Amino acid sequence: MIVPWQSLDPQTLNNLIEAFVLREGTDYGEQEISLTEKVAAVHNQLQSGSAVIVYSELHETVDIVPSDRFPREA
């Protein structure tokens, strides 16, 4: 189920994004990027619609994934 990022409390959204960017294996590249910059980048992706928050009822987990994994609604 896609969770609209706008429906989350701002602090909850920030905590969710921080947890996402701090996951092991999410830091790639030659340049070090600060946590603040990473959080801002993910927040921008949510705002632009290029990423979405997904809740799995089966696994009771939340993830942030590229929106192109889901078909566009008519």
Protein backbone atom coordinates (compact mmCIF):
# COMPACT_ATOMS: atom_id res chain seq x y z
CA MET A 1 0.00 0.00 0.00
CA ILE A 2 1.37 3.43 -0.94
CA VAL A 3 1.32 5.88 1.96
CA PRO A 4 1.02 9.55 0.94
CA TRP A 5 4.01 11.34 2.47
CA GLN A 6 1.80 14.38 3.11
CA SER A 7 -0.32 12.34 5.53
CA LEU A 8 2.60 11.78 7.90
CA ASP A 9 3.55 14.09 10.75
CA PRO A 10 6.64 16.06 9.61
CA GLN A 11 8.81 14.61 12.40
CA THR A 12 7.64 11.08 11.62
CA LEU A 13 8.43 11.63 7.94
CA ASN A 14 11.88 12.96 8.80
CA ASN A 15 12.57 9.98 11.09
CA LEU A 16 11.42 7.56 8.38
CA ILE A 17 13.67 9.19 5.78
CA GLU A 18 16.64 9.22 8.19
CA ALA A 19 16.17 5.52 8.95
CA PHE A 20 16.00 4.83 5.21
CA VAL A 21 19.22 6.70 4.33
CA LEU A 22 21.11 5.22 7.29
CA ARG A 23 20.48 1.64 6.18
CA GLU A 24 23.59 -0.33 5.42
CA GLY A 25 24.29 -0.43 1.72
CA THR A 26 22.61 2.84 0.79
CA ASP A 27 25.81 4.91 0.70
CA TYR A 28 27.44 4.76 -2.72
CA GLY A 29 29.71 7.05 -4.65
CA GLU A 30 33.07 8.70 -4.39
CA GLN A 31 31.95 11.79 -2.47
CA GLU A 32 30.80 11.85 1.14
CA ILE A 33 27.30 13.29 1.46
CA SER A 34 25.97 14.52 4.80
CA LEU A 35 22.92 13.02 6.45
CA THR A 36 21.11 16.34 6.05
CA GLU A 37 21.78 16.35 2.30
CA LYS A 38 20.66 12.73 1.94
CA VAL A 39 17.42 13.39 3.86
CA ALA A 40 16.74 16.48 1.74
CA ALA A 41 17.33 14.51 -1.48
CA VAL A 42 14.89 11.77 -0.48
CA HIS A 43 12.33 14.35 0.66
CA ASN A 44 12.64 16.06 -2.74
CA GLN A 45 12.10 12.70 -4.47
CA LEU A 46 8.93 12.16 -2.45
CA GLN A 47 7.69 15.68 -3.25
CA SER A 48 8.40 15.28 -6.97
CA GLY A 49 6.72 11.89 -7.09
CA SER A 50 9.81 10.00 -8.20
CA ALA A 51 9.74 8.00 -4.94
CA VAL A 52 6.91 6.73 -2.75
CA ILE A 53 6.50 5.37 0.76
CA VAL A 54 5.22 1.79 0.76
CA TYR A 55 3.77 -0.13 3.70
CA SER A 56 3.70 -3.92 3.51
CA GLU A 57 0.80 -5.30 5.50
CA LEU A 58 2.20 -8.81 5.10
CA HIS A 59 5.63 -7.97 6.51
CA GLU A 60 4.55 -4.95 8.59
CA THR A 61 7.41 -2.91 7.12
CA VAL A 62 7.77 0.53 5.57
CA ASP A 63 10.09 1.32 2.68
CA ILE A 64 10.83 4.14 0.26
CA VAL A 65 11.04 2.97 -3.34
CA PRO A 66 11.13 4.46 -6.84
CA SER A 67 7.61 5.28 -7.98
CA ASP A 68 8.16 3.58 -11.33
CA ARG A 69 7.74 0.23 -9.53
CA PHE A 70 4.02 0.99 -9.42
CA PRO A 71 1.63 1.55 -12.33
CA ARG A 72 0.28 5.06 -12.74
CA GLU A 73 -3.28 5.55 -11.54
CA ALA A 74 -5.78 6.63 -14.16
